[in-house]
Amino acid sequence: MERCLVEEENGSYRCTHPVIARVVQDRLTTSRRRELHRAVAVALELMSQTDGVPCPPGEIARHAEAGGDRPLAYRCSLRASEAARQRYAYQEALEWLDLAAATATHGADTDAVNRLTEEVLSVAGWQEPPAPVRRAEFSQRELERQDLDLPSVATGIQ
């Protein structure tokens, strides 16, 4: 914090610049990254259950899937799909159902996902799912010049 590499925001810390975040992320081993994702997923779900603070189930599902917790990822992706469906975001609902299908551990789970997929397609009036939209996250894109230009944190110094 003294060097302005991280800042506290709403009781948590975040990197002040994407390049710093990339360096931190690149230094994590695969097993450590999985462990952290799993811990975040479990903590978010626990907070949602005990504090009554609703956490988007999609956030939990993503962290659980990246952390290797397939049952939690499955449950939360189903909840995220239902939330998207209630907002009439049918393509998003189908994307969450794709994650649910990928993390299903039993045949009955897969059957349930297939049934829900059919329902979403029917409600949306589609014969088949639309082509998926590719969303590039920061970690998947190349660094750009603007990423390297750190804003000055000193004020009043000329």
C-alpha atoms as a PDB file:
ATOM      1  CA  MET A   1       0.000   0.000   0.000  1.00  0.00           C
ATOM      2  CA  GLU A   2       2.863   2.370   0.750  1.00  0.00           C
ATOM      3  CA  ARG A   3       4.120   1.941  -2.818  1.00  0.00           C
ATOM      4  CA  CYS A   4       0.599   2.250  -4.268  1.00  0.00           C
ATOM      5  CA  LEU A   5       0.693  -1.237  -5.811  1.00  0.00           C
ATOM      6  CA  VAL A   6      -2.542  -2.223  -4.087  1.00  0.00           C
ATOM      7  CA  GLU A   7      -5.383  -0.252  -2.603  1.00  0.00           C
ATOM      8  CA  GLU A   8      -8.069  -1.067  -0.113  1.00  0.00           C
ATOM      9  CA  GLU A   9     -11.572  -0.912  -1.498  1.00  0.00           C
ATOM     10  CA  ASN A  10     -14.692  -1.874   0.454  1.00  0.00           C
ATOM     11  CA  GLY A  11     -12.740  -3.932   2.956  1.00  0.00           C
ATOM     12  CA  SER A  12     -10.645  -5.819   0.397  1.00  0.00           C
ATOM     13  CA  TYR A  13      -7.474  -5.230  -1.545  1.00  0.00           C
ATOM     14  CA  ARG A  14      -7.099  -4.888  -5.292  1.00  0.00           C
ATOM     15  CA  CYS A  15      -4.186  -4.172  -7.584  1.00  0.00           C
ATOM     16  CA  THR A  16      -4.029  -0.582  -8.733  1.00  0.00           C
ATOM     17  CA  HIS A  17      -3.001  -1.484 -12.272  1.00  0.00           C
ATOM     18  CA  PRO A  18      -3.591  -4.406 -14.645  1.00  0.00           C
ATOM     19  CA  VAL A  19       0.151  -4.980 -15.117  1.00  0.00           C
ATOM     20  CA  ILE A  20       0.608  -5.464 -11.385  1.00  0.00           C
ATOM     21  CA  ALA A  21      -2.328  -7.875 -11.318  1.00  0.00           C
ATOM     22  CA  ARG A  22      -0.794  -9.805 -14.235  1.00  0.00           C
ATOM     23  CA  VAL A  23       2.557 -10.133 -12.435  1.00  0.00           C
ATOM     24  CA  VAL A  24       0.857 -11.420  -9.292  1.00  0.00           C
ATOM     25  CA  GLN A  25      -1.258 -13.847 -11.288  1.00  0.00           C
ATOM     26  CA  ASP A  26       1.696 -15.146 -13.310  1.00  0.00           C
ATOM     27  CA  ARG A  27       3.649 -15.885 -10.127  1.00  0.00           C
ATOM     28  CA  LEU A  28       0.966 -18.246  -8.789  1.00  0.00           C
ATOM     29  CA  THR A  29       1.438 -21.942  -9.396  1.00  0.00           C
ATOM     30  CA  THR A  30      -1.450 -23.890 -10.885  1.00  0.00           C
ATOM     31  CA  SER A  31      -2.147 -25.741  -7.662  1.00  0.00           C
ATOM     32  CA  ARG A  32      -2.055 -22.536  -5.600  1.00  0.00           C
ATOM     33  CA  ARG A  33      -4.398 -20.801  -8.067  1.00  0.00           C
ATOM     34  CA  ARG A  34      -6.842 -23.732  -7.821  1.00  0.00           C
ATOM     35  CA  GLU A  35      -6.629 -23.655  -4.044  1.00  0.00           C
ATOM     36  CA  LEU A  36      -7.372 -19.922  -3.972  1.00  0.00           C
ATOM     37  CA  HIS A  37     -10.314 -20.238  -6.382  1.00  0.00           C
ATOM     38  CA  ARG A  38     -11.800 -23.021  -4.286  1.00  0.00           C
ATOM     39  CA  ALA A  39     -11.359 -21.016  -1.073  1.00  0.00           C
ATOM     40  CA  VAL A  40     -13.026 -17.979  -2.645  1.00  0.00           C
ATOM     41  CA  ALA A  41     -15.961 -20.086  -3.890  1.00  0.00           C
ATOM     42  CA  VAL A  42     -16.513 -21.691  -0.495  1.00  0.00           C
ATOM     43  CA  ALA A  43     -16.224 -18.342   1.302  1.00  0.00           C
ATOM     44  CA  LEU A  44     -18.677 -16.638  -1.063  1.00  0.00           C
ATOM     45  CA  GLU A  45     -21.211 -19.410  -0.669  1.00  0.00           C
ATOM     46  CA  LEU A  46     -20.832 -19.398   3.102  1.00  0.00           C
ATOM     47  CA  MET A  47     -21.315 -15.621   3.211  1.00  0.00           C
ATOM     48  CA  SER A  48     -24.420 -15.912   1.038  1.00  0.00           C
ATOM     49  CA  GLN A  49     -25.907 -18.502   3.364  1.00  0.00           C
ATOM     50  CA  THR A  50     -25.031 -17.007   6.739  1.00  0.00           C
ATOM     51  CA  ASP A  51     -24.874 -13.234   6.304  1.00  0.00           C
ATOM     52  CA  GLY A  52     -27.816 -12.959   3.973  1.00  0.00           C
ATOM     53  CA  VAL A  53     -25.555 -11.038   1.601  1.00  0.00           C
ATOM     54  CA  PRO A  54     -26.501 -12.311  -1.828  1.00  0.00           C
ATOM     55  CA  CYS A  55     -23.498 -13.200  -3.919  1.00  0.00           C
ATOM     56  CA  PRO A  56     -24.094 -13.758  -7.624  1.00  0.00           C
ATOM     57  CA  PRO A  57     -24.203 -17.544  -8.058  1.00  0.00           C
ATOM     58  CA  GLY A  58     -22.245 -17.183 -11.292  1.00  0.00           C
ATOM     59  CA  GLU A  59     -19.280 -15.782  -9.362  1.00  0.00           C
ATOM     60  CA  ILE A  60     -19.347 -18.751  -7.047  1.00  0.00           C
ATOM     61  CA  ALA A  61     -19.726 -21.164  -9.977  1.00  0.00           C
ATOM     62  CA  ARG A  62     -16.722 -19.710 -11.832  1.00  0.00           C
ATOM     63  CA  HIS A  63     -14.484 -19.868  -8.789  1.00  0.00           C
ATOM     64  CA  ALA A  64     -15.703 -23.363  -7.874  1.00  0.00           C
ATOM     65  CA  GLU A  65     -15.080 -24.652 -11.405  1.00  0.00           C
ATOM     66  CA  ALA A  66     -11.595 -23.101 -11.490  1.00  0.00           C
ATOM     67  CA  GLY A  67     -10.952 -24.586  -8.041  1.00  0.00           C
ATOM     68  CA  GLY A  68     -12.029 -28.076  -9.051  1.00  0.00           C
ATOM     69  CA  ASP A  69     -15.124 -28.196  -6.817  1.00  0.00           C
ATOM     70  CA  ARG A  70     -17.464 -29.730  -9.396  1.00  0.00           C
ATOM     71  CA  PRO A  71     -20.535 -30.237  -7.163  1.00  0.00           C
ATOM     72  CA  LEU A  72     -20.481 -26.608  -6.007  1.00  0.00           C
ATOM     73  CA  ALA A  73     -19.892 -25.369  -9.561  1.00  0.00           C
ATOM     74  CA  TYR A  74     -22.820 -27.475 -10.769  1.00  0.00           C
ATOM     75  CA  ARG A  75     -25.252 -26.197  -8.127  1.00  0.00           C
ATOM     76  CA  CYS A  76     -24.276 -22.561  -8.544  1.00  0.00           C
ATOM     77  CA  SER A  77     -24.300 -22.655 -12.338  1.00  0.00           C
ATOM     78  CA  LEU A  78     -27.878 -23.968 -12.194  1.00  0.00           C
ATOM     79  CA  ARG A  79     -28.803 -21.079  -9.890  1.00  0.00           C
ATOM     80  CA  ALA A  80     -27.030 -18.608 -12.191  1.00  0.00           C
ATOM     81  CA  SER A  81     -28.890 -20.039 -15.171  1.00  0.00           C
ATOM     82  CA  GLU A  82     -32.232 -19.619 -13.414  1.00  0.00           C
ATOM     83  CA  ALA A  83     -31.374 -16.032 -12.443  1.00  0.00           C
ATOM     84  CA  ALA A  84     -30.468 -15.256 -16.061  1.00  0.00           C
ATOM     85  CA  ARG A  85     -33.655 -16.896 -17.280  1.00  0.00           C
ATOM     86  CA  GLN A  86     -35.725 -14.722 -14.930  1.00  0.00           C
ATOM     87  CA  ARG A  87     -34.069 -11.662 -16.505  1.00  0.00           C
ATOM     88  CA  TYR A  88     -34.918 -13.022 -19.988  1.00  0.00           C
ATOM     89  CA  ALA A  89     -31.171 -13.387 -20.665  1.00  0.00           C
ATOM     90  CA  TYR A  90     -31.616 -16.703 -22.437  1.00  0.00           C
ATOM     91  CA  GLN A  91     -28.191 -16.902 -24.043  1.00  0.00           C
ATOM     92  CA  GLU A  92     -26.553 -16.298 -20.672  1.00  0.00           C
ATOM     93  CA  ALA A  93     -28.815 -18.949 -19.140  1.00  0.00           C
ATOM     94  CA  LEU A  94     -27.604 -21.419 -21.771  1.00  0.00           C
ATOM     95  CA  GLU A  95     -23.968 -20.542 -21.044  1.00  0.00           C
ATOM     96  CA  TRP A  96     -24.518 -21.325 -17.352  1.00  0.00           C
ATOM     97  CA  LEU A  97     -26.185 -24.585 -18.331  1.00  0.00           C
ATOM     98  CA  ASP A  98     -23.089 -25.419 -20.403  1.00  0.00           C
ATOM     99  CA  LEU A  99     -20.999 -25.022 -17.258  1.00  0.00           C
ATOM    100  CA  ALA A 100     -23.492 -27.147 -15.323  1.00  0.00           C
ATOM    101  CA  ALA A 101     -23.218 -29.876 -17.964  1.00  0.00           C
ATOM    102  CA  ALA A 102     -19.429 -29.731 -17.836  1.00  0.00           C
ATOM    103  CA  THR A 103     -19.390 -30.098 -14.053  1.00  0.00           C
ATOM    104  CA  ALA A 104     -22.198 -32.660 -13.697  1.00  0.00           C
ATOM    105  CA  THR A 105     -21.028 -35.729 -11.809  1.00  0.00           C
ATOM    106  CA  HIS A 106     -24.008 -38.056 -12.290  1.00  0.00           C
ATOM    107  CA  GLY A 107     -26.169 -39.099 -15.212  1.00  0.00           C
ATOM    108  CA  ALA A 108     -29.215 -37.668 -13.467  1.00  0.00           C
ATOM    109  CA  ASP A 109     -27.459 -34.284 -13.279  1.00  0.00           C
ATOM    110  CA  THR A 110     -26.785 -34.376 -17.018  1.00  0.00           C
ATOM    111  CA  ASP A 111     -30.411 -35.306 -17.699  1.00  0.00           C
ATOM    112  CA  ALA A 112     -31.580 -32.364 -15.587  1.00  0.00           C
ATOM    113  CA  VAL A 113     -29.309 -29.980 -17.509  1.00  0.00           C
ATOM    114  CA  ASN A 114     -30.589 -31.322 -20.831  1.00  0.00           C
ATOM    115  CA  ARG A 115     -34.189 -30.837 -19.703  1.00  0.00           C
ATOM    116  CA  LEU A 116     -33.472 -27.272 -18.542  1.00  0.00           C
ATOM    117  CA  THR A 117     -31.690 -26.514 -21.810  1.00  0.00           C
ATOM    118  CA  GLU A 118     -34.741 -27.661 -23.758  1.00  0.00           C
ATOM    119  CA  GLU A 119     -36.954 -25.446 -21.586  1.00  0.00           C
ATOM    120  CA  VAL A 120     -34.783 -22.369 -22.141  1.00  0.00           C
ATOM    121  CA  LEU A 121     -34.685 -22.968 -25.897  1.00  0.00           C
ATOM    122  CA  SER A 122     -38.453 -23.378 -25.953  1.00  0.00           C
ATOM    123  CA  VAL A 123     -39.152 -20.245 -23.895  1.00  0.00           C
ATOM    124  CA  ALA A 124     -36.706 -18.248 -26.039  1.00  0.00           C
ATOM    125  CA  GLY A 125     -38.351 -19.550 -29.222  1.00  0.00           C
ATOM    126  CA  TRP A 126     -35.094 -20.993 -30.549  1.00  0.00           C
ATOM    127  CA  GLN A 127     -34.659 -24.275 -32.367  1.00  0.00           C
ATOM    128  CA  GLU A 128     -31.002 -24.493 -31.371  1.00  0.00           C
ATOM    129  CA  PRO A 129     -28.662 -22.389 -29.231  1.00  0.00           C
ATOM    130  CA  PRO A 130     -27.179 -19.274 -30.834  1.00  0.00           C
ATOM    131  CA  ALA A 131     -23.449 -19.143 -31.506  1.00  0.00           C
ATOM    132  CA  PRO A 132     -21.566 -18.440 -28.257  1.00  0.00           C
ATOM    133  CA  VAL A 133     -20.254 -14.947 -27.673  1.00  0.00           C
ATOM    134  CA  ARG A 134     -16.504 -14.880 -27.032  1.00  0.00           C
ATOM    135  CA  ARG A 135     -15.624 -12.681 -24.096  1.00  0.00           C
ATOM    136  CA  ALA A 136     -11.914 -12.023 -23.720  1.00  0.00           C
ATOM    137  CA  GLU A 137     -10.888 -11.499 -20.140  1.00  0.00           C
ATOM    138  CA  PHE A 138      -7.898  -9.366 -19.271  1.00  0.00           C
ATOM    139  CA  SER A 139      -5.811 -12.431 -18.555  1.00  0.00           C
ATOM    140  CA  GLN A 140      -6.422 -13.662 -22.113  1.00  0.00           C
ATOM    141  CA  ARG A 141      -5.583 -10.504 -24.014  1.00  0.00           C
ATOM    142  CA  GLU A 142      -2.226  -9.038 -24.839  1.00  0.00           C
ATOM    143  CA  LEU A 143      -0.847  -6.067 -22.959  1.00  0.00           C
ATOM    144  CA  GLU A 144      -1.429  -2.756 -24.676  1.00  0.00           C
ATOM    145  CA  ARG A 145       0.485   0.491 -24.474  1.00  0.00           C
ATOM    146  CA  GLN A 146      -2.189   2.043 -22.247  1.00  0.00           C
ATOM    147  CA  ASP A 147      -1.617  -0.760 -19.749  1.00  0.00           C
ATOM    148  CA  LEU A 148       1.984   0.331 -19.315  1.00  0.00           C
ATOM    149  CA  ASP A 149       1.306   4.011 -18.723  1.00  0.00           C
ATOM    150  CA  LEU A 150       0.900   4.232 -14.967  1.00  0.00           C
ATOM    151  CA  PRO A 151      -0.897   7.341 -13.788  1.00  0.00           C
ATOM    152  CA  SER A 152       1.011   9.597 -11.447  1.00  0.00           C
ATOM    153  CA  VAL A 153      -0.024   9.040  -7.845  1.00  0.00           C
ATOM    154  CA  ALA A 154       1.798  12.089  -6.503  1.00  0.00           C
ATOM    155  CA  THR A 155      -0.288  15.227  -6.389  1.00  0.00           C
ATOM    156  CA  GLY A 156       1.027  18.717  -6.215  1.00  0.00           C
ATOM    157  CA  ILE A 157       4.559  17.710  -7.278  1.00  0.00           C
ATOM    158  CA  GLN A 158       5.821  19.374 -10.407  1.00  0.00           C
END
